[in-house]
N, C-alpha and C. Protein backbone atom coordinates (compact mmCIF):
# COMPACT_ATOMS: atom_id res chain seq x y z
N MET A 1 -87.59 27.92 11.08
CA MET A 1 -87.69 26.76 10.23
C MET A 1 -87.55 25.52 11.12
N SER A 2 -88.40 24.56 10.92
CA SER A 2 -88.34 23.33 11.72
C SER A 2 -87.17 22.46 11.24
N VAL A 3 -86.78 21.55 12.09
CA VAL A 3 -85.71 20.63 11.75
C VAL A 3 -86.10 19.80 10.54
N ARG A 4 -87.32 19.33 10.52
CA ARG A 4 -87.79 18.51 9.40
C ARG A 4 -87.74 19.30 8.08
N THR A 5 -88.15 20.58 8.12
CA THR A 5 -88.11 21.42 6.92
C THR A 5 -86.67 21.61 6.45
N LEU A 6 -85.77 21.83 7.39
CA LEU A 6 -84.36 21.97 7.04
C LEU A 6 -83.85 20.72 6.33
N HIS A 7 -84.13 19.57 6.90
CA HIS A 7 -83.67 18.31 6.29
C HIS A 7 -84.28 18.13 4.90
N ARG A 8 -85.54 18.45 4.76
CA ARG A 8 -86.21 18.31 3.46
C ARG A 8 -85.63 19.26 2.43
N ARG A 9 -85.38 20.51 2.81
CA ARG A 9 -84.81 21.47 1.86
C ARG A 9 -83.38 21.12 1.48
N LEU A 10 -82.64 20.61 2.43
CA LEU A 10 -81.30 20.14 2.10
C LEU A 10 -81.37 18.99 1.10
N ALA A 11 -82.26 18.05 1.35
CA ALA A 11 -82.42 16.91 0.44
C ALA A 11 -82.85 17.39 -0.94
N ASP A 12 -83.75 18.36 -1.00
CA ASP A 12 -84.20 18.91 -2.29
C ASP A 12 -83.04 19.56 -3.05
N ALA A 13 -82.09 20.12 -2.30
CA ALA A 13 -80.93 20.77 -2.92
C ALA A 13 -79.79 19.78 -3.18
N GLY A 14 -80.02 18.50 -2.85
CA GLY A 14 -79.01 17.49 -3.10
C GLY A 14 -77.99 17.35 -1.99
N PHE A 15 -78.34 17.78 -0.78
CA PHE A 15 -77.44 17.71 0.35
C PHE A 15 -78.03 16.85 1.44
N SER A 16 -77.17 16.37 2.31
CA SER A 16 -77.57 15.63 3.50
C SER A 16 -77.08 16.40 4.71
N TYR A 17 -77.97 16.61 5.69
CA TYR A 17 -77.57 17.32 6.91
C TYR A 17 -76.38 16.63 7.55
N GLN A 18 -76.46 15.31 7.71
CA GLN A 18 -75.39 14.58 8.38
C GLN A 18 -74.08 14.66 7.60
N ARG A 19 -74.16 14.64 6.30
CA ARG A 19 -72.93 14.73 5.50
C ARG A 19 -72.30 16.12 5.64
N LEU A 20 -73.12 17.16 5.67
CA LEU A 20 -72.58 18.51 5.87
C LEU A 20 -71.91 18.62 7.23
N VAL A 21 -72.56 18.11 8.28
CA VAL A 21 -71.98 18.14 9.61
C VAL A 21 -70.66 17.38 9.62
N ASP A 22 -70.64 16.22 9.00
CA ASP A 22 -69.44 15.39 8.95
C ASP A 22 -68.30 16.10 8.23
N GLU A 23 -68.59 16.73 7.11
CA GLU A 23 -67.55 17.43 6.34
C GLU A 23 -67.00 18.62 7.11
N ILE A 24 -67.88 19.35 7.79
CA ILE A 24 -67.43 20.51 8.57
C ILE A 24 -66.59 20.04 9.75
N ARG A 25 -67.04 18.98 10.42
CA ARG A 25 -66.26 18.43 11.53
C ARG A 25 -64.89 17.97 11.05
N ARG A 26 -64.84 17.34 9.90
CA ARG A 26 -63.58 16.82 9.35
C ARG A 26 -62.61 17.96 9.08
N GLU A 27 -63.09 19.00 8.44
CA GLU A 27 -62.23 20.14 8.14
C GLU A 27 -61.74 20.81 9.43
N ARG A 28 -62.65 21.00 10.36
CA ARG A 28 -62.30 21.65 11.63
C ARG A 28 -61.33 20.78 12.44
N ALA A 29 -61.52 19.46 12.40
CA ALA A 29 -60.64 18.55 13.13
C ALA A 29 -59.20 18.71 12.64
N SER A 30 -59.02 18.81 11.34
CA SER A 30 -57.66 18.95 10.81
C SER A 30 -57.04 20.27 11.25
N GLU A 31 -57.85 21.32 11.34
CA GLU A 31 -57.34 22.62 11.81
C GLU A 31 -56.97 22.55 13.29
N LEU A 32 -57.86 21.98 14.11
CA LEU A 32 -57.62 21.94 15.55
C LEU A 32 -56.47 21.01 15.91
N LEU A 33 -56.32 19.92 15.18
CA LEU A 33 -55.24 18.98 15.48
C LEU A 33 -53.87 19.60 15.21
N ALA A 34 -53.81 20.55 14.31
CA ALA A 34 -52.55 21.23 14.01
C ALA A 34 -52.08 22.07 15.20
N GLU A 35 -53.01 22.44 16.09
CA GLU A 35 -52.66 23.17 17.31
C GLU A 35 -52.21 22.15 18.35
N ARG A 36 -50.94 21.89 18.40
CA ARG A 36 -50.40 20.80 19.21
C ARG A 36 -50.62 20.97 20.71
N ASP A 37 -50.90 22.16 21.18
CA ASP A 37 -51.11 22.35 22.61
C ASP A 37 -52.53 21.95 23.04
N ARG A 38 -53.41 21.73 22.09
CA ARG A 38 -54.79 21.31 22.41
C ARG A 38 -54.83 19.83 22.72
N LYS A 39 -55.57 19.47 23.76
CA LYS A 39 -55.77 18.07 24.11
C LYS A 39 -56.80 17.46 23.17
N LEU A 40 -56.63 16.17 22.88
CA LEU A 40 -57.57 15.49 21.99
C LEU A 40 -59.00 15.52 22.54
N GLY A 41 -59.14 15.40 23.84
CA GLY A 41 -60.47 15.48 24.46
C GLY A 41 -61.12 16.84 24.24
N ASP A 42 -60.31 17.89 24.28
CA ASP A 42 -60.83 19.24 24.03
C ASP A 42 -61.24 19.41 22.57
N ILE A 43 -60.48 18.82 21.66
CA ILE A 43 -60.82 18.87 20.24
C ILE A 43 -62.13 18.13 20.01
N ALA A 44 -62.25 16.95 20.61
CA ALA A 44 -63.48 16.16 20.47
C ALA A 44 -64.68 16.96 20.96
N ALA A 45 -64.55 17.60 22.12
CA ALA A 45 -65.64 18.40 22.67
C ALA A 45 -65.98 19.59 21.78
N ALA A 46 -64.95 20.24 21.24
CA ALA A 46 -65.17 21.40 20.37
C ALA A 46 -65.93 21.01 19.10
N LEU A 47 -65.77 19.76 18.69
CA LEU A 47 -66.45 19.28 17.48
C LEU A 47 -67.82 18.68 17.78
N GLY A 48 -68.20 18.66 19.06
CA GLY A 48 -69.53 18.17 19.42
C GLY A 48 -69.59 16.71 19.82
N TYR A 49 -68.45 16.08 20.02
CA TYR A 49 -68.43 14.68 20.46
C TYR A 49 -68.42 14.63 21.97
N ARG A 50 -69.32 13.85 22.55
CA ARG A 50 -69.36 13.70 24.01
C ARG A 50 -68.26 12.77 24.49
N ASP A 51 -67.88 11.83 23.66
CA ASP A 51 -66.87 10.84 24.03
C ASP A 51 -65.70 10.94 23.05
N PRO A 52 -64.50 11.18 23.55
CA PRO A 52 -63.34 11.27 22.66
C PRO A 52 -63.13 10.02 21.80
N ALA A 53 -63.57 8.86 22.27
CA ALA A 53 -63.43 7.64 21.47
C ALA A 53 -64.24 7.74 20.18
N ASN A 54 -65.40 8.40 20.23
CA ASN A 54 -66.20 8.58 19.01
C ASN A 54 -65.48 9.50 18.02
N PHE A 55 -64.83 10.54 18.55
CA PHE A 55 -64.04 11.42 17.69
C PHE A 55 -62.90 10.63 17.05
N SER A 56 -62.21 9.81 17.83
CA SER A 56 -61.09 9.04 17.28
C SER A 56 -61.55 8.10 16.17
N ARG A 57 -62.71 7.47 16.36
CA ARG A 57 -63.24 6.58 15.31
C ARG A 57 -63.56 7.36 14.04
N ALA A 58 -64.20 8.51 14.20
CA ALA A 58 -64.54 9.34 13.03
C ALA A 58 -63.26 9.81 12.34
N PHE A 59 -62.28 10.23 13.12
CA PHE A 59 -61.02 10.71 12.55
C PHE A 59 -60.33 9.61 11.76
N ARG A 60 -60.34 8.40 12.31
CA ARG A 60 -59.74 7.25 11.62
C ARG A 60 -60.47 6.97 10.31
N ARG A 61 -61.79 7.12 10.31
CA ARG A 61 -62.58 6.93 9.09
C ARG A 61 -62.23 8.00 8.05
N TRP A 62 -62.06 9.23 8.49
CA TRP A 62 -61.76 10.34 7.58
C TRP A 62 -60.36 10.26 7.00
N PHE A 63 -59.37 9.98 7.85
CA PHE A 63 -57.98 10.12 7.46
C PHE A 63 -57.18 8.82 7.43
N GLY A 64 -57.77 7.72 7.91
CA GLY A 64 -57.09 6.44 7.87
C GLY A 64 -56.04 6.25 8.95
N VAL A 65 -56.02 7.13 9.93
CA VAL A 65 -55.05 7.05 11.02
C VAL A 65 -55.68 7.68 12.26
N ALA A 66 -55.31 7.18 13.43
CA ALA A 66 -55.83 7.74 14.68
C ALA A 66 -55.24 9.13 14.91
N PRO A 67 -56.01 10.05 15.50
CA PRO A 67 -55.48 11.41 15.72
C PRO A 67 -54.22 11.41 16.59
N ARG A 68 -54.16 10.56 17.59
CA ARG A 68 -52.97 10.51 18.46
C ARG A 68 -51.74 10.07 17.65
N ASP A 69 -51.92 9.08 16.78
CA ASP A 69 -50.80 8.60 15.96
C ASP A 69 -50.31 9.69 15.01
N LEU A 70 -51.24 10.41 14.43
CA LEU A 70 -50.86 11.49 13.51
C LEU A 70 -50.10 12.58 14.25
N ARG A 71 -50.58 12.92 15.42
CA ARG A 71 -49.95 13.97 16.21
C ARG A 71 -48.54 13.57 16.63
N GLU A 72 -48.32 12.28 16.91
CA GLU A 72 -47.02 11.80 17.37
C GLU A 72 -46.03 11.61 16.23
N ALA A 73 -46.52 11.52 15.00
CA ALA A 73 -45.62 11.34 13.86
C ALA A 73 -44.95 12.66 13.53
N PRO A 74 -43.62 12.75 13.61
CA PRO A 74 -42.94 14.04 13.46
C PRO A 74 -43.06 14.68 12.07
N ALA A 75 -43.03 13.88 11.03
CA ALA A 75 -43.01 14.46 9.68
C ALA A 75 -44.39 14.51 9.03
N ALA A 76 -45.37 13.88 9.63
CA ALA A 76 -46.70 13.79 9.00
C ALA A 76 -47.49 15.07 9.24
N SER A 77 -48.37 15.34 8.32
CA SER A 77 -49.31 16.45 8.51
C SER A 77 -50.68 15.97 8.10
N VAL A 78 -51.70 16.54 8.67
CA VAL A 78 -53.06 16.16 8.33
C VAL A 78 -53.32 16.38 6.86
N GLY A 79 -52.81 17.46 6.30
CA GLY A 79 -53.02 17.76 4.88
C GLY A 79 -52.45 16.69 3.97
N GLN A 80 -51.26 16.21 4.28
CA GLN A 80 -50.64 15.16 3.47
C GLN A 80 -51.44 13.87 3.55
N ILE A 81 -51.85 13.50 4.74
CA ILE A 81 -52.61 12.27 4.91
C ILE A 81 -53.99 12.41 4.28
N ALA A 82 -54.61 13.56 4.43
CA ALA A 82 -55.94 13.77 3.84
C ALA A 82 -55.89 13.64 2.33
N ALA A 83 -54.85 14.15 1.73
CA ALA A 83 -54.73 14.08 0.27
C ALA A 83 -54.54 12.65 -0.20
N GLN A 84 -53.95 11.80 0.64
CA GLN A 84 -53.69 10.42 0.26
C GLN A 84 -54.84 9.49 0.59
N HIS A 85 -55.73 9.88 1.50
CA HIS A 85 -56.77 8.97 1.97
C HIS A 85 -57.98 9.00 1.06
N PRO A 86 -58.52 7.84 0.68
CA PRO A 86 -59.65 7.77 -0.24
C PRO A 86 -60.90 8.50 0.25
N ALA A 87 -61.09 8.61 1.55
CA ALA A 87 -62.28 9.29 2.06
C ALA A 87 -62.30 10.74 1.60
N ARG A 88 -61.15 11.31 1.33
CA ARG A 88 -61.06 12.69 0.86
C ARG A 88 -61.84 12.86 -0.44
N ASN A 89 -61.74 11.90 -1.32
CA ASN A 89 -62.44 11.98 -2.60
C ASN A 89 -63.95 11.84 -2.43
N ARG A 90 -64.38 11.00 -1.50
CA ARG A 90 -65.82 10.85 -1.27
C ARG A 90 -66.42 12.11 -0.66
N ALA A 91 -65.64 12.86 0.08
CA ALA A 91 -66.16 14.02 0.79
C ALA A 91 -66.08 15.30 -0.02
N GLY A 92 -65.79 15.20 -1.29
CA GLY A 92 -65.75 16.40 -2.11
C GLY A 92 -64.38 16.69 -2.63
N GLY A 93 -63.46 15.85 -2.34
CA GLY A 93 -62.08 15.70 -2.75
C GLY A 93 -61.35 16.81 -3.42
N GLY A 94 -60.26 16.44 -3.97
CA GLY A 94 -59.35 17.40 -4.55
C GLY A 94 -58.26 17.72 -3.56
N GLY A 95 -57.36 18.54 -3.97
CA GLY A 95 -56.27 18.90 -3.08
C GLY A 95 -56.64 20.05 -2.17
N GLY A 96 -55.79 20.33 -1.23
CA GLY A 96 -56.00 21.45 -0.33
C GLY A 96 -57.12 21.22 0.65
N ARG A 97 -57.64 22.32 1.17
CA ARG A 97 -58.69 22.24 2.18
C ARG A 97 -60.02 21.87 1.56
N ALA A 98 -60.80 21.15 2.34
CA ALA A 98 -62.15 20.80 1.90
C ALA A 98 -63.01 22.05 1.93
N THR A 99 -63.86 22.19 0.96
CA THR A 99 -64.78 23.30 0.92
C THR A 99 -66.18 22.75 0.95
N VAL A 100 -66.96 23.23 1.89
CA VAL A 100 -68.33 22.76 2.03
C VAL A 100 -69.24 23.84 1.45
N ALA A 101 -69.94 23.50 0.40
CA ALA A 101 -70.89 24.42 -0.20
C ALA A 101 -72.23 24.25 0.50
N VAL A 102 -72.70 25.30 1.11
CA VAL A 102 -73.97 25.24 1.84
C VAL A 102 -75.03 25.94 1.02
N PRO A 103 -76.12 25.24 0.73
CA PRO A 103 -77.16 25.84 -0.10
C PRO A 103 -77.94 26.92 0.65
N ASP A 104 -78.49 27.86 -0.09
CA ASP A 104 -79.36 28.89 0.49
C ASP A 104 -80.76 28.28 0.61
N LEU A 105 -81.21 28.07 1.84
CA LEU A 105 -82.47 27.39 2.07
C LEU A 105 -83.59 28.32 2.53
N ARG A 106 -83.32 29.60 2.47
CA ARG A 106 -84.34 30.56 2.91
C ARG A 106 -85.49 30.60 1.95
N SER A 107 -86.65 30.66 2.48
CA SER A 107 -87.95 30.75 1.78
C SER A 107 -87.92 30.39 0.29
N LYS A 108 -88.30 29.18 0.03
CA LYS A 108 -88.40 28.72 -1.35
C LYS A 108 -89.77 29.03 -1.90
């Protein structure tokens, strides 16, 4: 399947490729950040960011706080902040972990 066909089928199903990527990165970022022995640069690379600064900006957009600040806060958790941040509601919201529903795009 070509990239253009994938984007078109996602759009037909009411999805955006970039939004799906963003939601998956957001969920994965919260999981990886909980592993305190991982470096932020390694987390950024694991999520597909070439520059850790881009990851930090995205993280701040998702959770309203920089990843380094969240990691340094002793009592804070990504889950608590995610539940309080308005971006959580735009991304499919609700409590707990984000769930990304991926449509079946095989041969329509």
